Amino acid sequence: MNERELVARLRAKATSVPGLVLGIGDDCAIFRPRAGQDLVFTTDLFLEDIHFRRAFSTPEQAGRRALARSLSDIAAMGASPRFCLVSLALPAWADTKWFDAFYRGLLQLAREHRMAVAGGDLSHAEKLVCDVMICGSVGKGKALRRDGAAPGDVLYVSGPLGGWTHKEMPEPRIALGRKLVGKASAAMDLSDGLSLDLHRLCFASGVAAKVDCEPPRLPGATLDQALHDGEDYELLYTAPENVSVPGFRIGSIVRGRPGRVSFLGKPLPPQGYDHFSRNRS
């Protein structure tokens, strides 16, 4: 099967959404946003033997996970997803059946969140490489950011942690992110581990944090995994003490050296997942 035929298969499966003027099949997609909206963009790579392994994932699961990673970033901004662009480099082992199943999983999740696959690119590689770019929208000036946390704010996570080997499939917290708009002072998604991502949020906001209780854990996860493992795809966020928000309270924002985090009174070093470290912490 050649590229033209693969594109035709995708085009037949594609759905449209309000604002999408032109989707799969031309040099560019055309999207017309509504007045009073800010557009937010994110992109995530999804790589064979790094983000998934064929022996442990069906193609449907791989496609769903590829999209879920980027959707988690949209959730962290309090935005609603509108469309995505999916670029896919296929290795020799990925036949038409695998291709169809991969997109079946991806498109199912896209439909659940009322978003369209508007285009992308196709190529070949020695291992599977997928890049998902998502465009979302949020009210003008309302997007949640990492740099708004202030001393006195309460620190929350949206769900139990310890992903990596304990979470079968991430579920992007899109609905929760929208509920946090106008309430949370800062937010980000938890993809590289609580210790590292909290350090990043604090550094961006110029504050420190105290985690004064153990975070909620996934079944079978250790405390160390809840603190440092990546692939949770929950939300990490702060809100003023007098503002009611859903989630699990785990600590507070305090004055101190930007990025400094303590856990139960002791320093908590940022030991989460870093792609450019030699070893996974």
C-alpha atoms as a PDB file:
ATOM      1  CA  MET A   1       0.000   0.000   0.000  1.00  0.00           C
ATOM      2  CA  ASN A   2       1.391   3.431  -0.946  1.00  0.00           C
ATOM      3  CA  GLU A   3       1.164   6.799   0.806  1.00  0.00           C
ATOM      4  CA  ARG A   4      -1.754   8.036  -1.297  1.00  0.00           C
ATOM      5  CA  GLU A   5      -3.777   4.982  -0.356  1.00  0.00           C
ATOM      6  CA  LEU A   6      -2.926   5.331   3.340  1.00  0.00           C
ATOM      7  CA  VAL A   7      -3.995   8.993   3.279  1.00  0.00           C
ATOM      8  CA  ALA A   8      -7.244   7.987   1.587  1.00  0.00           C
ATOM      9  CA  ARG A   9      -7.905   5.431   4.351  1.00  0.00           C
ATOM     10  CA  LEU A  10      -7.366   8.135   6.993  1.00  0.00           C
ATOM     11  CA  ARG A  11      -9.526  10.645   5.177  1.00  0.00           C
ATOM     12  CA  ALA A  12     -12.389   8.131   5.063  1.00  0.00           C
ATOM     13  CA  LYS A  13     -12.199   7.701   8.836  1.00  0.00           C
ATOM     14  CA  ALA A  14     -11.790  11.410   9.695  1.00  0.00           C
ATOM     15  CA  THR A  15     -14.511  13.469  11.332  1.00  0.00           C
ATOM     16  CA  SER A  16     -14.969  17.228  11.360  1.00  0.00           C
ATOM     17  CA  VAL A  17     -15.482  19.668  14.210  1.00  0.00           C
ATOM     18  CA  PRO A  18     -16.763  23.253  14.384  1.00  0.00           C
ATOM     19  CA  GLY A  19     -14.114  25.650  13.122  1.00  0.00           C
ATOM     20  CA  LEU A  20     -12.279  23.098  10.971  1.00  0.00           C
ATOM     21  CA  VAL A  21     -12.679  24.471   7.438  1.00  0.00           C
ATOM     22  CA  LEU A  22     -10.322  22.018   5.719  1.00  0.00           C
ATOM     23  CA  GLY A  23      -8.843  18.808   7.061  1.00  0.00           C
ATOM     24  CA  ILE A  24      -6.919  15.823   5.672  1.00  0.00           C
ATOM     25  CA  GLY A  25      -5.951  15.930   2.011  1.00  0.00           C
ATOM     26  CA  ASP A  26      -4.410  19.351   1.300  1.00  0.00           C
ATOM     27  CA  ASP A  27      -1.035  20.948   2.089  1.00  0.00           C
ATOM     28  CA  CYS A  28      -2.404  22.514   5.289  1.00  0.00           C
ATOM     29  CA  ALA A  29      -5.459  22.224   7.479  1.00  0.00           C
ATOM     30  CA  ILE A  30      -7.569  25.364   7.941  1.00  0.00           C
ATOM     31  CA  PHE A  31      -9.072  26.137  11.341  1.00  0.00           C
ATOM     32  CA  ARG A  32     -11.167  29.220  12.099  1.00  0.00           C
ATOM     33  CA  PRO A  33     -11.275  29.965  15.866  1.00  0.00           C
ATOM     34  CA  ARG A  34     -14.148  31.730  17.553  1.00  0.00           C
ATOM     35  CA  ALA A  35     -13.798  35.298  18.800  1.00  0.00           C
ATOM     36  CA  GLY A  36     -12.650  35.677  22.405  1.00  0.00           C
ATOM     37  CA  GLN A  37     -10.588  32.489  22.355  1.00  0.00           C
ATOM     38  CA  ASP A  38      -6.878  31.865  22.820  1.00  0.00           C
ATOM     39  CA  LEU A  39      -5.424  28.911  20.934  1.00  0.00           C
ATOM     40  CA  VAL A  40      -2.968  26.660  22.751  1.00  0.00           C
ATOM     41  CA  PHE A  41      -0.620  24.191  21.051  1.00  0.00           C
ATOM     42  CA  THR A  42       1.360  21.197  22.234  1.00  0.00           C
ATOM     43  CA  THR A  43       3.307  18.373  20.647  1.00  0.00           C
ATOM     44  CA  ASP A  44       4.591  15.039  21.968  1.00  0.00           C
ATOM     45  CA  LEU A  45       6.752  12.341  20.450  1.00  0.00           C
ATOM     46  CA  PHE A  46       5.705   8.712  20.840  1.00  0.00           C
ATOM     47  CA  LEU A  47       8.631   6.380  20.208  1.00  0.00           C
ATOM     48  CA  GLU A  48       8.909   2.616  19.953  1.00  0.00           C
ATOM     49  CA  ASP A  49      10.868   1.070  22.859  1.00  0.00           C
ATOM     50  CA  ILE A  50      10.737   4.359  24.800  1.00  0.00           C
ATOM     51  CA  HIS A  51       7.026   5.128  25.186  1.00  0.00           C
ATOM     52  CA  PHE A  52       5.672   1.731  24.170  1.00  0.00           C
ATOM     53  CA  ARG A  53       6.817  -1.807  23.363  1.00  0.00           C
ATOM     54  CA  ARG A  54       5.048  -3.999  20.827  1.00  0.00           C
ATOM     55  CA  ALA A  55       5.197  -7.021  23.101  1.00  0.00           C
ATOM     56  CA  PHE A  56       3.120  -5.248  25.773  1.00  0.00           C
ATOM     57  CA  SER A  57       0.779  -3.026  23.729  1.00  0.00           C
ATOM     58  CA  THR A  58      -1.884  -3.727  21.127  1.00  0.00           C
ATOM     59  CA  PRO A  59      -1.871  -1.273  18.206  1.00  0.00           C
ATOM     60  CA  GLU A  60      -5.166   0.186  19.480  1.00  0.00           C
ATOM     61  CA  GLN A  61      -3.583   0.832  22.885  1.00  0.00           C
ATOM     62  CA  ALA A  62      -0.541   2.401  21.239  1.00  0.00           C
ATOM     63  CA  GLY A  63      -2.696   4.771  19.188  1.00  0.00           C
ATOM     64  CA  ARG A  64      -4.772   5.786  22.194  1.00  0.00           C
ATOM     65  CA  ARG A  65      -1.687   6.384  24.335  1.00  0.00           C
ATOM     66  CA  ALA A  66       0.003   8.451  21.612  1.00  0.00           C
ATOM     67  CA  LEU A  67      -2.921  10.892  21.623  1.00  0.00           C
ATOM     68  CA  ALA A  68      -3.519  10.794  25.393  1.00  0.00           C
ATOM     69  CA  ARG A  69      -0.011  12.116  26.107  1.00  0.00           C
ATOM     70  CA  SER A  70      -0.655  15.357  24.238  1.00  0.00           C
ATOM     71  CA  LEU A  71      -4.233  15.656  25.507  1.00  0.00           C
ATOM     72  CA  SER A  72      -2.853  15.725  29.056  1.00  0.00           C
ATOM     73  CA  ASP A  73      -0.978  18.928  28.199  1.00  0.00           C
ATOM     74  CA  ILE A  74      -4.176  20.492  26.853  1.00  0.00           C
ATOM     75  CA  ALA A  75      -5.937  19.532  30.091  1.00  0.00           C
ATOM     76  CA  ALA A  76      -3.208  21.219  32.136  1.00  0.00           C
ATOM     77  CA  MET A  77      -3.928  24.517  30.364  1.00  0.00           C
ATOM     78  CA  GLY A  78      -7.660  24.290  31.132  1.00  0.00           C
ATOM     79  CA  ALA A  79      -8.342  24.132  27.393  1.00  0.00           C
ATOM     80  CA  SER A  80     -10.629  22.111  25.148  1.00  0.00           C
ATOM     81  CA  PRO A  81      -8.996  20.142  22.303  1.00  0.00           C
ATOM     82  CA  ARG A  82     -10.070  21.163  18.793  1.00  0.00           C
ATOM     83  CA  PHE A  83      -7.929  19.238  16.312  1.00  0.00           C
ATOM     84  CA  CYS A  84      -4.673  17.328  16.066  1.00  0.00           C
ATOM     85  CA  LEU A  85      -1.998  16.664  13.458  1.00  0.00           C
ATOM     86  CA  VAL A  86      -0.452  13.187  13.555  1.00  0.00           C
ATOM     87  CA  SER A  87       2.893  12.444  11.893  1.00  0.00           C
ATOM     88  CA  LEU A  88       3.806   8.779  11.676  1.00  0.00           C
ATOM     89  CA  ALA A  89       7.000   7.078  10.485  1.00  0.00           C
ATOM     90  CA  LEU A  90       6.295   3.378   9.957  1.00  0.00           C
ATOM     91  CA  PRO A  91       8.871   0.572  10.223  1.00  0.00           C
ATOM     92  CA  ALA A  92       8.806  -2.504   7.992  1.00  0.00           C
ATOM     93  CA  TRP A  93       6.880  -4.590  10.546  1.00  0.00           C
ATOM     94  CA  ALA A  94       3.895  -2.178  10.620  1.00  0.00           C
ATOM     95  CA  ASP A  95       1.509  -3.542   7.983  1.00  0.00           C
ATOM     96  CA  THR A  96      -1.857  -2.143   6.899  1.00  0.00           C
ATOM     97  CA  LYS A  97      -3.693  -4.103   9.603  1.00  0.00           C
ATOM     98  CA  TRP A  98      -1.471  -2.581  12.316  1.00  0.00           C
ATOM     99  CA  PHE A  99      -1.845   0.897  10.753  1.00  0.00           C
ATOM    100  CA  ASP A 100      -5.647   0.652  10.773  1.00  0.00           C
ATOM    101  CA  ALA A 101      -5.730  -0.596  14.369  1.00  0.00           C
ATOM    102  CA  PHE A 102      -3.359   2.145  15.575  1.00  0.00           C
ATOM    103  CA  TYR A 103      -5.592   4.828  14.117  1.00  0.00           C
ATOM    104  CA  ARG A 104      -8.698   3.073  15.389  1.00  0.00           C
ATOM    105  CA  GLY A 105      -7.448   3.530  18.955  1.00  0.00           C
ATOM    106  CA  LEU A 106      -6.336   7.094  18.312  1.00  0.00           C
ATOM    107  CA  LEU A 107      -9.577   8.123  16.578  1.00  0.00           C
ATOM    108  CA  GLN A 108     -11.724   6.579  19.315  1.00  0.00           C
ATOM    109  CA  LEU A 109     -10.096   8.809  21.916  1.00  0.00           C
ATOM    110  CA  ALA A 110     -10.354  11.796  19.571  1.00  0.00           C
ATOM    111  CA  ARG A 111     -14.099  11.221  19.217  1.00  0.00           C
ATOM    112  CA  GLU A 112     -14.488  10.948  22.993  1.00  0.00           C
ATOM    113  CA  HIS A 113     -13.101  14.476  23.265  1.00  0.00           C
ATOM    114  CA  ARG A 114     -14.896  15.849  20.181  1.00  0.00           C
ATOM    115  CA  MET A 115     -11.744  16.673  18.292  1.00  0.00           C
ATOM    116  CA  ALA A 116     -10.672  16.025  14.717  1.00  0.00           C
ATOM    117  CA  VAL A 117      -7.566  14.547  13.156  1.00  0.00           C
ATOM    118  CA  ALA A 118      -6.918  17.311  10.622  1.00  0.00           C
ATOM    119  CA  GLY A 119      -3.758  16.041   8.924  1.00  0.00           C
ATOM    120  CA  GLY A 120      -0.125  15.184   9.523  1.00  0.00           C
ATOM    121  CA  ASP A 121       2.624  13.372   7.638  1.00  0.00           C
ATOM    122  CA  LEU A 122       3.619   9.811   6.746  1.00  0.00           C
ATOM    123  CA  SER A 123       7.100   8.399   6.313  1.00  0.00           C
ATOM    124  CA  HIS A 124       9.179   5.314   7.136  1.00  0.00           C
ATOM    125  CA  ALA A 125      11.824   4.576   9.767  1.00  0.00           C
ATOM    126  CA  GLU A 126      13.652   1.660  11.394  1.00  0.00           C
ATOM    127  CA  LYS A 127      11.415   1.972  14.479  1.00  0.00           C
ATOM    128  CA  LEU A 128       7.979   3.491  14.844  1.00  0.00           C
ATOM    129  CA  VAL A 129       8.015   7.254  15.418  1.00  0.00           C
ATOM    130  CA  CYS A 130       4.813   9.208  16.032  1.00  0.00           C
ATOM    131  CA  ASP A 131       4.445  12.922  16.723  1.00  0.00           C
ATOM    132  CA  VAL A 132       1.071  14.277  17.837  1.00  0.00           C
ATOM    133  CA  MET A 133       0.410  18.017  17.753  1.00  0.00           C
ATOM    134  CA  ILE A 134      -2.850  19.251  19.299  1.00  0.00           C
ATOM    135  CA  CYS A 135      -4.522  22.641  19.028  1.00  0.00           C
ATOM    136  CA  GLY A 136      -6.879  23.542  21.859  1.00  0.00           C
ATOM    137  CA  SER A 137      -8.829  26.644  22.793  1.00  0.00           C
ATOM    138  CA  VAL A 138      -9.569  28.446  26.028  1.00  0.00           C
ATOM    139  CA  GLY A 139     -11.152  31.787  26.915  1.00  0.00           C
ATOM    140  CA  LYS A 140      -8.915  34.761  26.136  1.00  0.00           C
ATOM    141  CA  GLY A 141      -6.437  35.263  28.979  1.00  0.00           C
ATOM    142  CA  LYS A 142      -7.860  32.285  30.926  1.00  0.00           C
ATOM    143  CA  ALA A 143      -5.298  29.562  30.183  1.00  0.00           C
ATOM    144  CA  LEU A 144      -3.766  27.888  33.239  1.00  0.00           C
ATOM    145  CA  ARG A 145       0.008  28.331  33.446  1.00  0.00           C
ATOM    146  CA  ARG A 146       2.914  27.086  35.522  1.00  0.00           C
ATOM    147  CA  ASP A 147       4.015  30.520  36.696  1.00  0.00           C
ATOM    148  CA  GLY A 148       1.059  31.643  38.832  1.00  0.00           C
ATOM    149  CA  ALA A 149       1.627  29.818  42.144  1.00  0.00           C
ATOM    150  CA  ALA A 150       2.016  32.118  45.177  1.00  0.00           C
ATOM    151  CA  PRO A 151       3.033  31.586  48.828  1.00  0.00           C
ATOM    152  CA  GLY A 152       0.009  30.402  50.800  1.00  0.00           C
ATOM    153  CA  ASP A 153      -1.528  28.485  47.909  1.00  0.00           C
ATOM    154  CA  VAL A 154      -2.577  24.894  48.503  1.00  0.00           C
ATOM    155  CA  LEU A 155      -0.964  22.161  46.376  1.00  0.00           C
ATOM    156  CA  TYR A 156      -3.072  19.418  44.746  1.00  0.00           C
ATOM    157  CA  VAL A 157      -2.829  16.386  42.473  1.00  0.00           C
ATOM    158  CA  SER A 158      -5.808  15.140  40.480  1.00  0.00           C
ATOM    159  CA  GLY A 159      -5.416  11.416  41.195  1.00  0.00           C
ATOM    160  CA  PRO A 160      -3.257   8.569  42.495  1.00  0.00           C
ATOM    161  CA  LEU A 161       0.363   8.445  41.344  1.00  0.00           C
ATOM    162  CA  GLY A 162       2.964   5.796  40.600  1.00  0.00           C
ATOM    163  CA  GLY A 163       2.387   5.406  36.851  1.00  0.00           C
ATOM    164  CA  TRP A 164       5.011   3.909  34.566  1.00  0.00           C
ATOM    165  CA  THR A 165       4.365   0.232  35.418  1.00  0.00           C
ATOM    166  CA  HIS A 166       1.132   0.646  37.411  1.00  0.00           C
ATOM    167  CA  LYS A 167      -1.091   2.628  35.031  1.00  0.00           C
ATOM    168  CA  GLU A 168      -2.388   0.697  32.060  1.00  0.00           C
ATOM    169  CA  MET A 169      -3.767   3.661  30.124  1.00  0.00           C
ATOM    170  CA  PRO A 170      -3.666   7.403  30.861  1.00  0.00           C
ATOM    171  CA  GLU A 171      -7.006   9.212  30.955  1.00  0.00           C
ATOM    172  CA  PRO A 172      -6.516  12.900  30.087  1.00  0.00           C
ATOM    173  CA  ARG A 173      -8.122  15.143  32.714  1.00  0.00           C
ATOM    174  CA  ILE A 174      -9.772  17.473  30.196  1.00  0.00           C
ATOM    175  CA  ALA A 175     -12.993  17.976  32.177  1.00  0.00           C
ATOM    176  CA  LEU A 176     -11.101  18.665  35.406  1.00  0.00           C
ATOM    177  CA  GLY A 177      -8.791  21.126  33.675  1.00  0.00           C
ATOM    178  CA  ARG A 178     -11.794  23.139  32.463  1.00  0.00           C
ATOM    179  CA  LYS A 179     -13.226  23.171  36.011  1.00  0.00           C
ATOM    180  CA  LEU A 180      -9.968  24.659  37.297  1.00  0.00           C
ATOM    181  CA  VAL A 181     -10.110  27.691  34.984  1.00  0.00           C
ATOM    182  CA  GLY A 182     -10.624  30.797  37.092  1.00  0.00           C
ATOM    183  CA  LYS A 183      -9.860  28.866  40.299  1.00  0.00           C
ATOM    184  CA  ALA A 184      -6.367  27.355  40.057  1.00  0.00           C
ATOM    185  CA  SER A 185      -3.422  29.733  40.258  1.00  0.00           C
ATOM    186  CA  ALA A 186      -1.009  27.390  38.445  1.00  0.00           C
ATOM    187  CA  ALA A 187      -1.173  23.975  36.794  1.00  0.00           C
ATOM    188  CA  MET A 188       0.812  21.472  34.750  1.00  0.00           C
ATOM    189  CA  ASP A 189       0.534  17.830  33.779  1.00  0.00           C
ATOM    190  CA  LEU A 190       2.397  15.129  35.676  1.00  0.00           C
ATOM    191  CA  SER A 191       4.329  13.213  33.047  1.00  0.00           C
ATOM    192  CA  ASP A 192       7.878  13.010  34.438  1.00  0.00           C
ATOM    193  CA  GLY A 193       7.256  12.347  38.141  1.00  0.00           C
ATOM    194  CA  LEU A 194       5.960  14.472  41.022  1.00  0.00           C
ATOM    195  CA  SER A 195       9.392  15.431  42.375  1.00  0.00           C
ATOM    196  CA  LEU A 196      10.637  16.757  39.019  1.00  0.00           C
ATOM    197  CA  ASP A 197       7.392  18.331  37.792  1.00  0.00           C
ATOM    198  CA  LEU A 198       6.753  20.094  41.120  1.00  0.00           C
ATOM    199  CA  HIS A 199      10.294  21.457  40.977  1.00  0.00           C
ATOM    200  CA  ARG A 200       9.515  22.810  37.483  1.00  0.00           C
ATOM    201  CA  LEU A 201       6.243  24.437  38.590  1.00  0.00           C
ATOM    202  CA  CYS A 202       7.923  26.069  41.588  1.00  0.00           C
ATOM    203  CA  PHE A 203      10.859  27.273  39.517  1.00  0.00           C
ATOM    204  CA  ALA A 204       8.524  28.834  36.941  1.00  0.00           C
ATOM    205  CA  SER A 205       6.543  30.572  39.709  1.00  0.00           C
ATOM    206  CA  GLY A 206       9.593  31.690  41.710  1.00  0.00           C
ATOM    207  CA  VAL A 207       8.449  29.845  44.838  1.00  0.00           C
ATOM    208  CA  ALA A 208       9.179  26.748  46.962  1.00  0.00           C
ATOM    209  CA  ALA A 209       6.832  23.961  48.049  1.00  0.00           C
ATOM    210  CA  LYS A 210       6.241  21.747  51.064  1.00  0.00           C
ATOM    211  CA  VAL A 211       4.689  18.333  50.491  1.00  0.00           C
ATOM    212  CA  ASP A 212       3.386  17.538  53.963  1.00  0.00           C
ATOM    213  CA  CYS A 213       1.638  14.207  53.337  1.00  0.00           C
ATOM    214  CA  GLU A 214       2.147  11.127  51.198  1.00  0.00           C
ATOM    215  CA  PRO A 215       0.544  11.496  47.760  1.00  0.00           C
ATOM    216  CA  PRO A 216      -2.251   9.088  46.812  1.00  0.00           C
ATOM    217  CA  ARG A 217      -0.892   5.949  45.141  1.00  0.00           C
ATOM    218  CA  LEU A 218      -2.005   3.570  42.435  1.00  0.00           C
ATOM    219  CA  PRO A 219      -2.557  -0.039  43.579  1.00  0.00           C
ATOM    220  CA  GLY A 220       0.815  -1.734  43.963  1.00  0.00           C
ATOM    221  CA  ALA A 221       2.844   1.473  43.658  1.00  0.00           C
ATOM    222  CA  THR A 222       5.502   2.261  46.253  1.00  0.00           C
ATOM    223  CA  LEU A 223       5.986   5.679  47.797  1.00  0.00           C
ATOM    224  CA  ASP A 224       9.192   6.087  45.792  1.00  0.00           C
ATOM    225  CA  GLN A 225       7.308   5.395  42.556  1.00  0.00           C
ATOM    226  CA  ALA A 226       4.576   7.871  43.486  1.00  0.00           C
ATOM    227  CA  LEU A 227       7.201  10.549  44.088  1.00  0.00           C
ATOM    228  CA  HIS A 228       9.511   9.930  41.141  1.00  0.00           C
ATOM    229  CA  ASP A 229       8.019   7.743  38.395  1.00  0.00           C
ATOM    230  CA  GLY A 230       6.710   9.344  35.220  1.00  0.00           C
ATOM    231  CA  GLU A 231       3.755   8.529  32.942  1.00  0.00           C
ATOM    232  CA  ASP A 232       1.080   9.469  35.489  1.00  0.00           C
ATOM    233  CA  TYR A 233      -0.658  12.046  33.260  1.00  0.00           C
ATOM    234  CA  GLU A 234      -2.533  13.474  36.231  1.00  0.00           C
ATOM    235  CA  LEU A 235      -2.653  17.210  36.911  1.00  0.00           C
ATOM    236  CA  LEU A 236      -0.534  19.081  39.451  1.00  0.00           C
ATOM    237  CA  TYR A 237      -2.037  22.425  40.474  1.00  0.00           C
ATOM    238  CA  THR A 238      -2.302  25.124  43.116  1.00  0.00           C
ATOM    239  CA  ALA A 239      -5.157  27.272  44.353  1.00  0.00           C
ATOM    240  CA  PRO A 240      -5.637  29.920  47.055  1.00  0.00           C
ATOM    241  CA  GLU A 241      -6.631  28.434  50.407  1.00  0.00           C
ATOM    242  CA  ASN A 242     -10.109  29.971  50.297  1.00  0.00           C
ATOM    243  CA  VAL A 243     -10.900  28.555  46.839  1.00  0.00           C
ATOM    244  CA  SER A 244     -12.549  25.134  46.647  1.00  0.00           C
ATOM    245  CA  VAL A 245     -11.213  22.812  43.937  1.00  0.00           C
ATOM    246  CA  PRO A 246     -11.458  19.034  43.403  1.00  0.00           C
ATOM    247  CA  GLY A 247      -8.454  16.784  43.908  1.00  0.00           C
ATOM    248  CA  PHE A 248      -6.077  15.525  46.591  1.00  0.00           C
ATOM    249  CA  ARG A 249      -4.350  18.086  48.804  1.00  0.00           C
ATOM    250  CA  ILE A 250      -0.674  17.184  49.278  1.00  0.00           C
ATOM    251  CA  GLY A 251       0.963  20.358  50.580  1.00  0.00           C
ATOM    252  CA  SER A 252       1.416  24.079  50.135  1.00  0.00           C
ATOM    253  CA  ILE A 253       3.405  26.744  48.341  1.00  0.00           C
ATOM    254  CA  VAL A 254       5.863  28.710  50.493  1.00  0.00           C
ATOM    255  CA  ARG A 255       8.511  31.395  50.150  1.00  0.00           C
ATOM    256  CA  GLY A 256      11.980  30.081  49.457  1.00  0.00           C
ATOM    257  CA  ARG A 257      14.559  29.392  46.816  1.00  0.00           C
ATOM    258  CA  PRO A 258      12.683  28.965  43.502  1.00  0.00           C
ATOM    259  CA  GLY A 259      12.254  25.285  42.730  1.00  0.00           C
ATOM    260  CA  ARG A 260      13.064  24.006  46.219  1.00  0.00           C
ATOM    261  CA  VAL A 261      10.736  21.199  47.359  1.00  0.00           C
ATOM    262  CA  SER A 262      10.562  19.407  50.705  1.00  0.00           C
ATOM    263  CA  PHE A 263       8.739  16.198  51.592  1.00  0.00           C
ATOM    264  CA  LEU A 264       7.743  15.605  55.224  1.00  0.00           C
ATOM    265  CA  GLY A 265      10.326  18.169  56.329  1.00  0.00           C
ATOM    266  CA  LYS A 266      13.245  16.831  54.255  1.00  0.00           C
ATOM    267  CA  PRO A 267      14.574  18.054  50.883  1.00  0.00           C
ATOM    268  CA  LEU A 268      12.987  16.286  47.898  1.00  0.00           C
ATOM    269  CA  PRO A 269      15.411  16.303  44.957  1.00  0.00           C
ATOM    270  CA  PRO A 270      13.966  16.360  41.422  1.00  0.00           C
ATOM    271  CA  GLN A 271      14.581  12.711  40.539  1.00  0.00           C
ATOM    272  CA  GLY A 272      11.842  12.076  37.997  1.00  0.00           C
ATOM    273  CA  TYR A 273      12.283  11.001  34.395  1.00  0.00           C
ATOM    274  CA  ASP A 274      14.611  13.106  32.240  1.00  0.00           C
ATOM    275  CA  HIS A 275      15.084  12.022  28.605  1.00  0.00           C
ATOM    276  CA  PHE A 276      18.634  13.317  28.622  1.00  0.00           C
ATOM    277  CA  SER A 277      19.798  11.632  31.829  1.00  0.00           C
ATOM    278  CA  ARG A 278      21.875   8.474  31.447  1.00  0.00           C
ATOM    279  CA  ASN A 279      19.600   6.432  33.635  1.00  0.00           C
ATOM    280  CA  ARG A 280      16.010   6.595  34.758  1.00  0.00           C
ATOM    281  CA  SER A 281      15.951   7.800  38.389  1.00  0.00           C
END
